[in-house]
């Protein structure tokens, strides 16, 4: 056997060990100045998005009703799509904290 053949599995094992290295980085609540301001900004953006979704839902529902009563099938279909998209956006905006927390917790379990 050549010496390369004996060294190759050890070299591969060293590479796998390097991939499994834990850098030990964890989220730090008070690490940067301005964190409270950033949280307030993100909360305000989320609120702005929810308010915009309420407006989009109202307009889409109106288009849906107008299309239905006027016989405009295209307007009715667009209104239905708008209602569904608005409802989905509201679901995602409302669940944003939970979705991020879920996947962040799930990510900490990967070893």
N, C-alpha and C. Protein backbone atom coordinates (compact mmCIF):
# COMPACT_ATOMS: atom_id res chain seq x y z
N UNK A 1 0.83 -1.18 0.00
CA UNK A 1 0.00 0.00 0.00
C UNK A 1 0.88 1.25 0.00
N UNK A 2 0.43 2.23 -0.63
CA UNK A 2 1.13 3.50 -0.65
C UNK A 2 0.81 4.28 0.62
N UNK A 3 1.68 5.16 0.98
CA UNK A 3 1.46 5.95 2.19
C UNK A 3 0.27 6.91 2.01
N UNK A 4 -0.02 7.33 0.76
CA UNK A 4 -1.15 8.21 0.51
C UNK A 4 -2.46 7.54 0.88
N UNK A 5 -2.58 6.24 0.59
CA UNK A 5 -3.81 5.52 0.89
C UNK A 5 -4.05 5.45 2.38
N UNK A 6 -3.03 5.38 3.19
CA UNK A 6 -3.19 5.34 4.63
C UNK A 6 -3.52 6.72 5.20
N UNK A 7 -3.00 7.75 4.58
CA UNK A 7 -3.21 9.11 5.09
C UNK A 7 -4.56 9.68 4.66
N UNK A 8 -5.11 9.22 3.57
CA UNK A 8 -6.34 9.82 3.05
C UNK A 8 -7.50 9.73 4.04
N UNK A 9 -7.79 8.56 4.66
CA UNK A 9 -8.90 8.54 5.62
C UNK A 9 -8.65 9.46 6.81
N UNK A 10 -7.43 9.59 7.26
CA UNK A 10 -7.14 10.50 8.37
C UNK A 10 -7.34 11.94 7.95
N UNK A 11 -6.93 12.28 6.74
CA UNK A 11 -7.14 13.63 6.22
C UNK A 11 -8.62 13.94 6.14
N UNK A 12 -9.43 13.00 5.66
CA UNK A 12 -10.86 13.19 5.55
C UNK A 12 -11.49 13.36 6.93
N UNK A 13 -11.03 12.57 7.90
CA UNK A 13 -11.55 12.69 9.26
C UNK A 13 -11.23 14.06 9.84
N UNK A 14 -10.04 14.59 9.58
CA UNK A 14 -9.69 15.92 10.06
C UNK A 14 -10.60 16.98 9.46
N UNK A 15 -10.97 16.83 8.20
CA UNK A 15 -11.86 17.79 7.55
C UNK A 15 -13.25 17.74 8.16
N UNK A 16 -13.75 16.55 8.46
CA UNK A 16 -15.08 16.41 9.07
C UNK A 16 -15.07 17.05 10.45
N UNK A 17 -14.00 16.87 11.20
CA UNK A 17 -13.91 17.48 12.52
C UNK A 17 -13.93 19.00 12.39
N UNK A 18 -13.29 19.56 11.38
CA UNK A 18 -13.30 21.01 11.17
C UNK A 18 -14.71 21.50 10.85
N UNK A 19 -15.51 20.71 10.12
CA UNK A 19 -16.88 21.09 9.80
C UNK A 19 -17.74 21.10 11.05
N UNK A 20 -17.46 20.25 12.02
CA UNK A 20 -18.27 20.14 13.21
C UNK A 20 -17.85 21.10 14.31
N UNK A 21 -16.90 21.97 14.06
CA UNK A 21 -16.41 22.91 15.07
C UNK A 21 -17.51 23.88 15.47
N UNK A 22 -17.71 24.05 16.77
CA UNK A 22 -18.71 24.98 17.30
C UNK A 22 -18.02 26.30 17.64
N UNK A 23 -18.35 27.37 16.94
CA UNK A 23 -17.69 28.65 17.24
C UNK A 23 -18.17 29.26 18.55
N UNK A 24 -19.28 28.77 19.12
CA UNK A 24 -19.76 29.25 20.41
C UNK A 24 -20.44 30.61 20.37
N UNK A 25 -20.99 30.99 19.24
CA UNK A 25 -21.66 32.28 19.12
C UNK A 25 -23.13 32.10 19.46
N UNK A 26 -23.60 32.93 20.38
CA UNK A 26 -25.01 32.90 20.80
C UNK A 26 -25.56 34.32 20.69
N UNK A 27 -26.88 34.47 20.46
CA UNK A 27 -27.46 35.82 20.43
C UNK A 27 -27.26 36.53 21.77
N UNK A 28 -26.86 37.79 21.73
CA UNK A 28 -26.57 38.57 22.93
C UNK A 28 -27.54 39.74 22.97
N UNK A 29 -28.41 39.74 23.96
CA UNK A 29 -29.47 40.75 24.06
C UNK A 29 -28.92 42.17 24.17
N UNK A 30 -27.85 42.39 24.89
CA UNK A 30 -27.37 43.75 25.11
C UNK A 30 -26.06 44.04 24.43
N UNK A 31 -25.78 43.38 23.31
CA UNK A 31 -24.47 43.51 22.69
C UNK A 31 -24.23 44.79 21.94
N UNK A 32 -25.24 45.37 21.35
CA UNK A 32 -25.06 46.58 20.53
C UNK A 32 -25.91 47.72 21.06
N UNK A 33 -25.42 48.93 20.97
CA UNK A 33 -26.27 50.07 21.35
C UNK A 33 -27.37 50.27 20.30
N UNK A 34 -28.50 50.76 20.77
CA UNK A 34 -29.59 51.03 19.84
C UNK A 34 -30.49 49.85 19.58
N UNK A 35 -30.33 48.75 20.33
CA UNK A 35 -31.15 47.56 20.09
C UNK A 35 -32.62 47.84 20.37
N UNK A 36 -32.91 48.61 21.41
CA UNK A 36 -34.31 48.94 21.72
C UNK A 36 -34.93 49.78 20.61
N UNK A 37 -34.16 50.68 20.04
CA UNK A 37 -34.66 51.51 18.93
C UNK A 37 -34.96 50.63 17.72
N UNK A 38 -34.06 49.68 17.43
CA UNK A 38 -34.26 48.78 16.31
C UNK A 38 -35.52 47.93 16.50
N UNK A 39 -35.74 47.47 17.73
CA UNK A 39 -36.96 46.70 18.02
C UNK A 39 -38.21 47.55 17.79
N UNK A 40 -38.16 48.81 18.21
CA UNK A 40 -39.30 49.70 18.00
C UNK A 40 -39.54 49.96 16.52
N UNK A 41 -38.47 50.12 15.76
CA UNK A 41 -38.60 50.35 14.31
C UNK A 41 -39.23 49.12 13.65
N UNK A 42 -38.75 47.93 14.01
CA UNK A 42 -39.31 46.70 13.42
C UNK A 42 -40.78 46.52 13.80
N UNK A 43 -41.12 46.85 15.05
CA UNK A 43 -42.52 46.78 15.46
C UNK A 43 -43.38 47.77 14.70
N UNK A 44 -42.85 48.96 14.45
CA UNK A 44 -43.59 49.97 13.69
C UNK A 44 -43.77 49.54 12.23
N UNK A 45 -42.74 48.93 11.66
CA UNK A 45 -42.86 48.44 10.28
C UNK A 45 -43.91 47.33 10.20
N UNK A 46 -43.93 46.46 11.21
CA UNK A 46 -44.92 45.39 11.24
C UNK A 46 -46.33 45.98 11.35
N UNK A 47 -46.51 46.98 12.21
CA UNK A 47 -47.81 47.63 12.36
C UNK A 47 -48.23 48.32 11.06
N UNK A 48 -47.29 49.01 10.42
CA UNK A 48 -47.58 49.66 9.14
C UNK A 48 -48.05 48.63 8.11
N UNK A 49 -47.36 47.48 8.08
CA UNK A 49 -47.76 46.41 7.16
C UNK A 49 -49.15 45.89 7.44
N UNK A 50 -49.49 45.71 8.72
CA UNK A 50 -50.83 45.24 9.08
C UNK A 50 -51.90 46.26 8.68
N UNK A 51 -51.62 47.54 8.89
CA UNK A 51 -52.59 48.57 8.50
C UNK A 51 -52.76 48.58 6.98
N UNK A 52 -51.67 48.43 6.24
CA UNK A 52 -51.76 48.38 4.77
C UNK A 52 -52.55 47.17 4.31
N UNK A 53 -52.41 46.05 5.02
CA UNK A 53 -53.14 44.84 4.66
C UNK A 53 -54.64 45.04 4.89
N UNK A 54 -55.00 45.74 5.96
CA UNK A 54 -56.43 46.02 6.20
C UNK A 54 -57.00 46.83 5.04
N UNK A 55 -56.25 47.82 4.58
CA UNK A 55 -56.71 48.61 3.42
C UNK A 55 -56.81 47.77 2.16
N UNK A 56 -55.81 46.93 1.92
CA UNK A 56 -55.82 46.08 0.73
C UNK A 56 -56.98 45.09 0.79
N UNK A 57 -57.25 44.57 1.97
CA UNK A 57 -58.37 43.62 2.12
C UNK A 57 -59.70 44.31 1.85
N UNK A 58 -59.87 45.52 2.37
CA UNK A 58 -61.11 46.26 2.14
C UNK A 58 -61.30 46.58 0.66
N UNK A 59 -60.25 47.03 0.00
CA UNK A 59 -60.34 47.36 -1.43
C UNK A 59 -60.62 46.10 -2.24
N UNK A 60 -59.93 45.01 -1.92
CA UNK A 60 -60.14 43.75 -2.66
C UNK A 60 -61.54 43.20 -2.48
N UNK A 61 -62.05 43.30 -1.26
CA UNK A 61 -63.42 42.85 -1.02
C UNK A 61 -64.41 43.71 -1.80
N UNK A 62 -64.16 45.02 -1.87
CA UNK A 62 -65.02 45.90 -2.66
C UNK A 62 -64.97 45.57 -4.14
N UNK A 63 -63.78 45.28 -4.67
CA UNK A 63 -63.64 44.90 -6.09
C UNK A 63 -64.34 43.58 -6.35
N UNK A 64 -64.21 42.66 -5.43
CA UNK A 64 -64.88 41.36 -5.56
C UNK A 64 -66.40 41.55 -5.62
N UNK A 65 -66.94 42.35 -4.71
CA UNK A 65 -68.40 42.59 -4.68
C UNK A 65 -68.86 43.34 -5.92
N UNK A 66 -68.09 44.36 -6.33
CA UNK A 66 -68.46 45.13 -7.51
C UNK A 66 -68.43 44.24 -8.76
N UNK A 67 -67.40 43.42 -8.89
CA UNK A 67 -67.31 42.52 -10.03
C UNK A 67 -68.43 41.50 -10.05
N UNK A 68 -68.82 41.02 -8.88
CA UNK A 68 -69.89 40.03 -8.81
C UNK A 68 -71.23 40.64 -9.23
N UNK A 69 -71.51 41.84 -8.73
CA UNK A 69 -72.82 42.45 -9.00
C UNK A 69 -72.90 43.11 -10.37
N UNK A 70 -71.76 43.44 -10.97
CA UNK A 70 -71.80 44.08 -12.28
C UNK A 70 -71.57 43.08 -13.41
N UNK A 71 -71.29 41.84 -13.07
CA UNK A 71 -71.04 40.83 -14.09
C UNK A 71 -69.63 40.87 -14.65
N UNK A 72 -68.75 41.59 -14.00
CA UNK A 72 -67.35 41.66 -14.44
C UNK A 72 -66.56 40.50 -13.84
N UNK A 73 -66.45 39.45 -14.60
CA UNK A 73 -65.80 38.24 -14.08
C UNK A 73 -64.32 38.46 -13.78
N UNK A 74 -63.67 39.27 -14.59
CA UNK A 74 -62.25 39.55 -14.35
C UNK A 74 -62.05 40.32 -13.05
N UNK A 75 -62.90 41.33 -12.81
CA UNK A 75 -62.81 42.10 -11.57
C UNK A 75 -63.12 41.21 -10.37
N UNK A 76 -64.10 40.34 -10.53
CA UNK A 76 -64.45 39.43 -9.43
C UNK A 76 -63.29 38.50 -9.09
N UNK A 77 -62.65 37.95 -10.12
CA UNK A 77 -61.51 37.06 -9.90
C UNK A 77 -60.34 37.81 -9.26
N UNK A 78 -60.09 39.03 -9.73
CA UNK A 78 -59.00 39.82 -9.13
C UNK A 78 -59.32 40.18 -7.68
N UNK A 79 -60.56 40.47 -7.38
CA UNK A 79 -60.95 40.75 -6.01
C UNK A 79 -60.74 39.55 -5.10
N UNK A 80 -61.10 38.36 -5.59
CA UNK A 80 -60.89 37.14 -4.81
C UNK A 80 -59.40 36.92 -4.54
N UNK A 81 -58.58 37.11 -5.59
CA UNK A 81 -57.13 36.96 -5.42
C UNK A 81 -56.59 37.96 -4.41
N UNK A 82 -57.08 39.18 -4.49
CA UNK A 82 -56.63 40.22 -3.55
C UNK A 82 -56.99 39.89 -2.12
N UNK A 83 -58.18 39.35 -1.91
CA UNK A 83 -58.60 38.96 -0.56
C UNK A 83 -57.70 37.85 -0.03
N UNK A 84 -57.42 36.86 -0.87
CA UNK A 84 -56.56 35.74 -0.43
C UNK A 84 -55.13 36.20 -0.15
N UNK A 85 -54.60 37.06 -1.02
CA UNK A 85 -53.24 37.56 -0.80
C UNK A 85 -53.19 38.42 0.45
N UNK A 86 -54.19 39.25 0.67
CA UNK A 86 -54.23 40.09 1.87
C UNK A 86 -54.33 39.23 3.13
N UNK A 87 -55.15 38.20 3.09
CA UNK A 87 -55.28 37.31 4.25
C UNK A 87 -53.96 36.58 4.52
N UNK A 88 -53.29 36.14 3.47
CA UNK A 88 -51.99 35.49 3.64
C UNK A 88 -50.94 36.43 4.20
N UNK A 89 -50.95 37.67 3.73
CA UNK A 89 -49.99 38.66 4.23
C UNK A 89 -50.26 38.97 5.70
N UNK A 90 -51.54 39.06 6.08
CA UNK A 90 -51.88 39.30 7.48
C UNK A 90 -51.43 38.13 8.35
N UNK A 91 -51.60 36.92 7.85
CA UNK A 91 -51.16 35.74 8.58
C UNK A 91 -49.65 35.77 8.80
N UNK A 92 -48.90 36.07 7.76
CA UNK A 92 -47.44 36.11 7.88
C UNK A 92 -46.96 37.25 8.77
N UNK A 93 -47.57 38.41 8.66
CA UNK A 93 -47.16 39.53 9.51
C UNK A 93 -47.48 39.26 10.97
N UNK A 94 -48.64 38.68 11.22
CA UNK A 94 -49.02 38.37 12.60
C UNK A 94 -48.17 37.26 13.20
N UNK A 95 -47.73 36.33 12.36
CA UNK A 95 -46.97 35.18 12.85
C UNK A 95 -45.47 35.37 12.74
N UNK A 96 -45.02 36.55 12.36
CA UNK A 96 -43.59 36.77 12.10
C UNK A 96 -42.73 36.42 13.32
N UNK A 97 -43.10 36.90 14.50
CA UNK A 97 -42.30 36.59 15.70
C UNK A 97 -42.28 35.10 15.97
N UNK A 98 -43.43 34.45 15.87
CA UNK A 98 -43.50 33.01 16.14
C UNK A 98 -42.72 32.20 15.13
N UNK A 99 -42.78 32.58 13.86
CA UNK A 99 -42.06 31.84 12.81
C UNK A 99 -40.55 31.97 13.02
N UNK A 100 -40.09 33.19 13.30
CA UNK A 100 -38.66 33.39 13.52
C UNK A 100 -38.21 32.66 14.78
N UNK A 101 -39.00 32.73 15.85
CA UNK A 101 -38.64 32.04 17.09
C UNK A 101 -38.61 30.53 16.88
N UNK A 102 -39.57 29.99 16.13
CA UNK A 102 -39.62 28.55 15.88
C UNK A 102 -38.37 28.09 15.15
N UNK A 103 -38.04 28.76 14.05
CA UNK A 103 -36.88 28.33 13.26
C UNK A 103 -35.56 28.62 13.97
N UNK A 104 -35.51 29.68 14.77
CA UNK A 104 -34.31 29.96 15.55
C UNK A 104 -34.10 28.85 16.58
N UNK A 105 -35.16 28.44 17.26
CA UNK A 105 -35.05 27.34 18.22
C UNK A 105 -34.69 26.04 17.52
N UNK A 106 -35.30 25.81 16.37
CA UNK A 106 -34.99 24.61 15.60
C UNK A 106 -33.53 24.61 15.16
N UNK A 107 -33.04 25.79 14.79
CA UNK A 107 -31.63 25.90 14.36
C UNK A 107 -30.64 25.64 15.48
N UNK A 108 -31.01 25.96 16.72
CA UNK A 108 -30.10 25.70 17.83
C UNK A 108 -29.95 24.22 18.13
N UNK A 109 -30.88 23.40 17.63
CA UNK A 109 -30.82 21.96 17.88
C UNK A 109 -29.97 21.21 16.87
N UNK A 110 -29.51 21.90 15.84
CA UNK A 110 -28.66 21.27 14.83
C UNK A 110 -27.25 21.16 15.40
N UNK A 111 -26.70 19.96 15.35
CA UNK A 111 -25.35 19.75 15.88
C UNK A 111 -24.49 19.09 14.85
